[in-house]
Amino acid sequence: MTSISTLTVEPEQFRSLMSTFPTGVAIVTTGAFEGEPSGLTVSSVSSVSLDPPTLLVCLNNKSRTLSEVLANGTFAVNLLHEGGQGAAKLFASGERDRFDRVEWENATTFAGPHLVNDAHSIADCRVSRTLSMGDHQVIFGEIFRVEQQSPEHTAPLLYGMRRFSAWPTAA
């Protein structure tokens, strides 16, 4: 008899399962004042707490962005709007010149570069806790600044069933 505690699924089964759960798309960024900016596309963003305002992101252990987030202690979560699909693909590609191919801004009050043409909202966070889970790190970020773009760019970009879509607009 097989014990439930020893059962597992293959990574492709897990990917297939999660592809059926549509989610928002974000780009996590960090750095740029101490050196080169770093960033990657994620769909693993979740609210955690209202007091203090905290969210979490999950980053691959092999990611340069994870190393930079941990070294800097800060990161920005750029929540993409429907026009940000190109940036989502670019930052998922790992291309070295990705920051040369998008418009971004940075300031000493930012936790990481803000993707001004691709994000409808941006949360600047400081790392408050980390948790190792398999091949990823769960990064908890306490939000210290929020920036929201103008209303015409608020239809969030979604990803599910292995394709991009936008949140439907009201009739």
C-alpha atoms as a PDB file:
ATOM      1  CA  MET A   1       0.000   0.000   0.000  1.00  0.00           C
ATOM      2  CA  THR A   2       1.347   3.426  -1.022  1.00  0.00           C
ATOM      3  CA  SER A   3       1.482   6.128   1.621  1.00  0.00           C
ATOM      4  CA  ILE A   4       0.047   9.527   0.744  1.00  0.00           C
ATOM      5  CA  SER A   5       3.218  11.105   2.150  1.00  0.00           C
ATOM      6  CA  THR A   6       5.310   9.507  -0.641  1.00  0.00           C
ATOM      7  CA  LEU A   7       3.068  10.349  -3.597  1.00  0.00           C
ATOM      8  CA  THR A   8       4.207  13.042  -6.037  1.00  0.00           C
ATOM      9  CA  VAL A   9       3.442  14.429  -9.492  1.00  0.00           C
ATOM     10  CA  GLU A  10       5.826  15.161 -12.353  1.00  0.00           C
ATOM     11  CA  PRO A  11       6.789  18.801 -13.024  1.00  0.00           C
ATOM     12  CA  GLU A  12       4.894  18.782 -16.346  1.00  0.00           C
ATOM     13  CA  GLN A  13       1.709  17.644 -14.565  1.00  0.00           C
ATOM     14  CA  PHE A  14       2.111  20.517 -12.128  1.00  0.00           C
ATOM     15  CA  ARG A  15       2.698  23.017 -14.964  1.00  0.00           C
ATOM     16  CA  SER A  16      -0.399  21.718 -16.720  1.00  0.00           C
ATOM     17  CA  LEU A  17      -2.462  22.088 -13.547  1.00  0.00           C
ATOM     18  CA  MET A  18      -1.287  25.639 -12.887  1.00  0.00           C
ATOM     19  CA  SER A  19      -1.850  26.672 -16.517  1.00  0.00           C
ATOM     20  CA  THR A  20      -5.578  26.254 -15.868  1.00  0.00           C
ATOM     21  CA  PHE A  21      -5.449  28.916 -13.150  1.00  0.00           C
ATOM     22  CA  PRO A  22      -5.366  32.346 -14.851  1.00  0.00           C
ATOM     23  CA  THR A  23      -3.413  34.945 -12.956  1.00  0.00           C
ATOM     24  CA  GLY A  24      -2.078  38.455 -13.293  1.00  0.00           C
ATOM     25  CA  VAL A  25       1.341  39.135 -14.795  1.00  0.00           C
ATOM     26  CA  ALA A  26       4.051  41.227 -13.141  1.00  0.00           C
ATOM     27  CA  ILE A  27       7.699  42.084 -13.596  1.00  0.00           C
ATOM     28  CA  VAL A  28       9.836  42.160 -10.468  1.00  0.00           C
ATOM     29  CA  THR A  29      12.729  44.624 -10.704  1.00  0.00           C
ATOM     30  CA  THR A  30      15.593  45.666  -8.455  1.00  0.00           C
ATOM     31  CA  GLY A  31      18.868  47.546  -8.576  1.00  0.00           C
ATOM     32  CA  ALA A  32      20.089  50.238 -10.973  1.00  0.00           C
ATOM     33  CA  PHE A  33      21.701  52.609  -8.468  1.00  0.00           C
ATOM     34  CA  GLU A  34      24.409  50.212  -7.305  1.00  0.00           C
ATOM     35  CA  GLY A  35      24.861  48.666 -10.744  1.00  0.00           C
ATOM     36  CA  GLU A  36      22.857  47.142 -13.544  1.00  0.00           C
ATOM     37  CA  PRO A  37      19.105  46.727 -13.063  1.00  0.00           C
ATOM     38  CA  SER A  38      17.724  43.221 -12.820  1.00  0.00           C
ATOM     39  CA  GLY A  39      14.235  41.892 -13.423  1.00  0.00           C
ATOM     40  CA  LEU A  40      12.049  39.010 -14.497  1.00  0.00           C
ATOM     41  CA  THR A  41       8.442  38.138 -15.306  1.00  0.00           C
ATOM     42  CA  VAL A  42       6.376  36.438 -12.610  1.00  0.00           C
ATOM     43  CA  SER A  43       2.837  35.250 -12.190  1.00  0.00           C
ATOM     44  CA  SER A  44       3.361  34.253  -8.563  1.00  0.00           C
ATOM     45  CA  VAL A  45       2.305  37.412  -6.738  1.00  0.00           C
ATOM     46  CA  SER A  46      -0.093  37.377  -3.832  1.00  0.00           C
ATOM     47  CA  SER A  47      -1.299  39.721  -1.136  1.00  0.00           C
ATOM     48  CA  VAL A  48      -0.371  38.545   2.352  1.00  0.00           C
ATOM     49  CA  SER A  49      -1.298  41.176   4.921  1.00  0.00           C
ATOM     50  CA  LEU A  50      -3.029  44.530   5.138  1.00  0.00           C
ATOM     51  CA  ASP A  51      -1.221  45.540   8.325  1.00  0.00           C
ATOM     52  CA  PRO A  52       1.605  45.805   7.548  1.00  0.00           C
ATOM     53  CA  PRO A  53       0.850  45.936   3.804  1.00  0.00           C
ATOM     54  CA  THR A  54       2.729  42.896   2.513  1.00  0.00           C
ATOM     55  CA  LEU A  55       2.797  40.848  -0.658  1.00  0.00           C
ATOM     56  CA  LEU A  56       4.829  37.864  -1.759  1.00  0.00           C
ATOM     57  CA  VAL A  57       6.604  36.863  -4.948  1.00  0.00           C
ATOM     58  CA  CYS A  58       8.249  33.545  -5.769  1.00  0.00           C
ATOM     59  CA  LEU A  59      11.639  33.620  -7.507  1.00  0.00           C
ATOM     60  CA  ASN A  60      13.713  30.753  -8.884  1.00  0.00           C
ATOM     61  CA  ASN A  61      16.838  29.934  -6.866  1.00  0.00           C
ATOM     62  CA  LYS A  62      18.963  30.167 -10.037  1.00  0.00           C
ATOM     63  CA  SER A  63      17.714  33.656 -10.881  1.00  0.00           C
ATOM     64  CA  ARG A  64      20.130  36.595 -10.953  1.00  0.00           C
ATOM     65  CA  THR A  65      17.173  38.756  -9.933  1.00  0.00           C
ATOM     66  CA  LEU A  66      16.720  36.723  -6.745  1.00  0.00           C
ATOM     67  CA  SER A  67      20.382  37.288  -5.846  1.00  0.00           C
ATOM     68  CA  GLU A  68      20.020  41.021  -6.493  1.00  0.00           C
ATOM     69  CA  VAL A  69      16.762  41.301  -4.510  1.00  0.00           C
ATOM     70  CA  LEU A  70      18.401  39.633  -1.529  1.00  0.00           C
ATOM     71  CA  ALA A  71      21.544  41.798  -1.832  1.00  0.00           C
ATOM     72  CA  ASN A  72      19.589  45.060  -2.227  1.00  0.00           C
ATOM     73  CA  GLY A  73      16.851  44.214   0.266  1.00  0.00           C
ATOM     74  CA  THR A  74      14.289  45.921  -1.989  1.00  0.00           C
ATOM     75  CA  PHE A  75      12.280  45.215  -5.126  1.00  0.00           C
ATOM     76  CA  ALA A  76       9.499  46.720  -7.209  1.00  0.00           C
ATOM     77  CA  VAL A  77       6.499  44.755  -8.453  1.00  0.00           C
ATOM     78  CA  ASN A  78       5.310  46.176 -11.782  1.00  0.00           C
ATOM     79  CA  LEU A  79       1.734  44.934 -12.356  1.00  0.00           C
ATOM     80  CA  LEU A  80       1.335  44.853 -16.130  1.00  0.00           C
ATOM     81  CA  HIS A  81      -1.577  46.218 -18.137  1.00  0.00           C
ATOM     82  CA  GLU A  82      -2.853  44.727 -21.385  1.00  0.00           C
ATOM     83  CA  GLY A  83      -0.231  46.630 -23.412  1.00  0.00           C
ATOM     84  CA  GLY A  84       2.605  45.053 -21.426  1.00  0.00           C
ATOM     85  CA  GLN A  85       2.574  41.660 -23.136  1.00  0.00           C
ATOM     86  CA  GLY A  86       5.795  42.422 -25.060  1.00  0.00           C
ATOM     87  CA  ALA A  87       7.593  43.354 -21.838  1.00  0.00           C
ATOM     88  CA  ALA A  88       6.279  40.197 -20.147  1.00  0.00           C
ATOM     89  CA  LYS A  89       7.719  38.032 -22.924  1.00  0.00           C
ATOM     90  CA  LEU A  90      10.992  39.989 -22.991  1.00  0.00           C
ATOM     91  CA  PHE A  91      11.572  39.725 -19.228  1.00  0.00           C
ATOM     92  CA  ALA A  92      10.667  36.016 -19.311  1.00  0.00           C
ATOM     93  CA  SER A  93      13.235  35.438 -22.083  1.00  0.00           C
ATOM     94  CA  GLY A  94      16.314  36.201 -20.002  1.00  0.00           C
ATOM     95  CA  GLU A  95      17.693  38.520 -22.696  1.00  0.00           C
ATOM     96  CA  ARG A  96      20.583  40.498 -21.225  1.00  0.00           C
ATOM     97  CA  ASP A  97      19.564  43.786 -22.896  1.00  0.00           C
ATOM     98  CA  ARG A  98      15.933  43.773 -21.752  1.00  0.00           C
ATOM     99  CA  PHE A  99      16.239  47.084 -19.880  1.00  0.00           C
ATOM    100  CA  ASP A 100      17.587  48.671 -23.081  1.00  0.00           C
ATOM    101  CA  ARG A 101      14.398  47.627 -24.877  1.00  0.00           C
ATOM    102  CA  VAL A 102      11.753  49.083 -22.521  1.00  0.00           C
ATOM    103  CA  GLU A 103      11.181  52.501 -21.030  1.00  0.00           C
ATOM    104  CA  TRP A 104      11.844  52.646 -17.313  1.00  0.00           C
ATOM    105  CA  GLU A 105      12.488  55.152 -14.568  1.00  0.00           C
ATOM    106  CA  ASN A 106      14.344  54.924 -11.310  1.00  0.00           C
ATOM    107  CA  ALA A 107      14.736  57.233  -8.321  1.00  0.00           C
ATOM    108  CA  THR A 108      16.293  56.923  -4.894  1.00  0.00           C
ATOM    109  CA  THR A 109      12.772  56.490  -3.458  1.00  0.00           C
ATOM    110  CA  PHE A 110      12.037  53.490  -5.736  1.00  0.00           C
ATOM    111  CA  ALA A 111      12.782  49.891  -4.711  1.00  0.00           C
ATOM    112  CA  GLY A 112      13.628  49.020  -8.301  1.00  0.00           C
ATOM    113  CA  PRO A 113      13.037  50.265 -11.835  1.00  0.00           C
ATOM    114  CA  HIS A 114       9.478  51.251 -12.720  1.00  0.00           C
ATOM    115  CA  LEU A 115       8.320  50.104 -16.164  1.00  0.00           C
ATOM    116  CA  VAL A 116       6.377  53.255 -16.946  1.00  0.00           C
ATOM    117  CA  ASN A 117       4.795  52.187 -20.253  1.00  0.00           C
ATOM    118  CA  ASP A 118       3.924  48.612 -19.311  1.00  0.00           C
ATOM    119  CA  ALA A 119       2.628  48.716 -15.725  1.00  0.00           C
ATOM    120  CA  HIS A 120      -0.719  49.966 -14.478  1.00  0.00           C
ATOM    121  CA  SER A 121       0.415  49.826 -10.846  1.00  0.00           C
ATOM    122  CA  ILE A 122       3.760  49.501  -9.091  1.00  0.00           C
ATOM    123  CA  ALA A 123       4.498  48.473  -5.514  1.00  0.00           C
ATOM    124  CA  ASP A 124       7.876  49.336  -3.999  1.00  0.00           C
ATOM    125  CA  CYS A 125       8.801  46.792  -1.331  1.00  0.00           C
ATOM    126  CA  ARG A 126      11.505  46.028   1.179  1.00  0.00           C
ATOM    127  CA  VAL A 127      12.268  42.370   1.882  1.00  0.00           C
ATOM    128  CA  SER A 128      10.751  41.475   5.235  1.00  0.00           C
ATOM    129  CA  ARG A 129      11.175  37.695   5.161  1.00  0.00           C
ATOM    130  CA  THR A 130      12.184  34.830   2.885  1.00  0.00           C
ATOM    131  CA  LEU A 131      11.233  31.186   2.816  1.00  0.00           C
ATOM    132  CA  SER A 132      12.970  28.459   0.849  1.00  0.00           C
ATOM    133  CA  MET A 133      10.566  26.118  -0.956  1.00  0.00           C
ATOM    134  CA  GLY A 134      12.045  23.579  -3.358  1.00  0.00           C
ATOM    135  CA  ASP A 135      13.617  25.312  -6.357  1.00  0.00           C
ATOM    136  CA  HIS A 136      12.209  28.740  -5.419  1.00  0.00           C
ATOM    137  CA  GLN A 137      12.404  31.364  -2.693  1.00  0.00           C
ATOM    138  CA  VAL A 138       9.251  33.000  -1.396  1.00  0.00           C
ATOM    139  CA  ILE A 139      10.065  36.669  -0.886  1.00  0.00           C
ATOM    140  CA  PHE A 140       7.787  38.646   1.411  1.00  0.00           C
ATOM    141  CA  GLY A 141       7.832  42.343   0.665  1.00  0.00           C
ATOM    142  CA  GLU A 142       6.510  45.061   2.928  1.00  0.00           C
ATOM    143  CA  ILE A 143       5.125  47.744   0.630  1.00  0.00           C
ATOM    144  CA  PHE A 144       6.360  51.256   1.372  1.00  0.00           C
ATOM    145  CA  ARG A 145       5.214  53.052  -1.791  1.00  0.00           C
ATOM    146  CA  VAL A 146       2.491  52.547  -4.422  1.00  0.00           C
ATOM    147  CA  GLU A 147       2.247  54.229  -7.807  1.00  0.00           C
ATOM    148  CA  GLN A 148      -0.782  53.830 -10.051  1.00  0.00           C
ATOM    149  CA  GLN A 149      -0.973  54.905 -13.688  1.00  0.00           C
ATOM    150  CA  SER A 150      -3.775  56.792 -15.387  1.00  0.00           C
ATOM    151  CA  PRO A 151      -7.131  54.989 -15.764  1.00  0.00           C
ATOM    152  CA  GLU A 152      -6.823  54.349 -19.521  1.00  0.00           C
ATOM    153  CA  HIS A 153      -4.096  51.756 -18.787  1.00  0.00           C
ATOM    154  CA  THR A 154      -5.800  49.767 -16.046  1.00  0.00           C
ATOM    155  CA  ALA A 155      -6.954  46.596 -17.852  1.00  0.00           C
ATOM    156  CA  PRO A 156      -4.654  44.041 -16.181  1.00  0.00           C
ATOM    157  CA  LEU A 157      -2.663  41.573 -18.269  1.00  0.00           C
ATOM    158  CA  LEU A 158      -3.579  37.977 -17.470  1.00  0.00           C
ATOM    159  CA  TYR A 159      -1.896  34.659 -18.212  1.00  0.00           C
ATOM    160  CA  GLY A 160      -3.597  31.279 -18.266  1.00  0.00           C
ATOM    161  CA  MET A 161      -4.040  28.270 -20.529  1.00  0.00           C
ATOM    162  CA  ARG A 162      -0.523  29.158 -21.790  1.00  0.00           C
ATOM    163  CA  ARG A 163      -1.611  32.427 -23.389  1.00  0.00           C
ATOM    164  CA  PHE A 164      -1.995  36.101 -22.549  1.00  0.00           C
ATOM    165  CA  SER A 165      -5.291  37.920 -22.288  1.00  0.00           C
ATOM    166  CA  ALA A 166      -6.630  41.139 -20.789  1.00  0.00           C
ATOM    167  CA  TRP A 167      -9.201  41.648 -18.110  1.00  0.00           C
ATOM    168  CA  PRO A 168     -12.518  42.247 -19.923  1.00  0.00           C
ATOM    169  CA  THR A 169     -13.746  45.828 -19.894  1.00  0.00           C
ATOM    170  CA  ALA A 170     -17.193  46.654 -18.577  1.00  0.00           C
ATOM    171  CA  ALA A 171     -19.919  47.066 -21.184  1.00  0.00           C
END
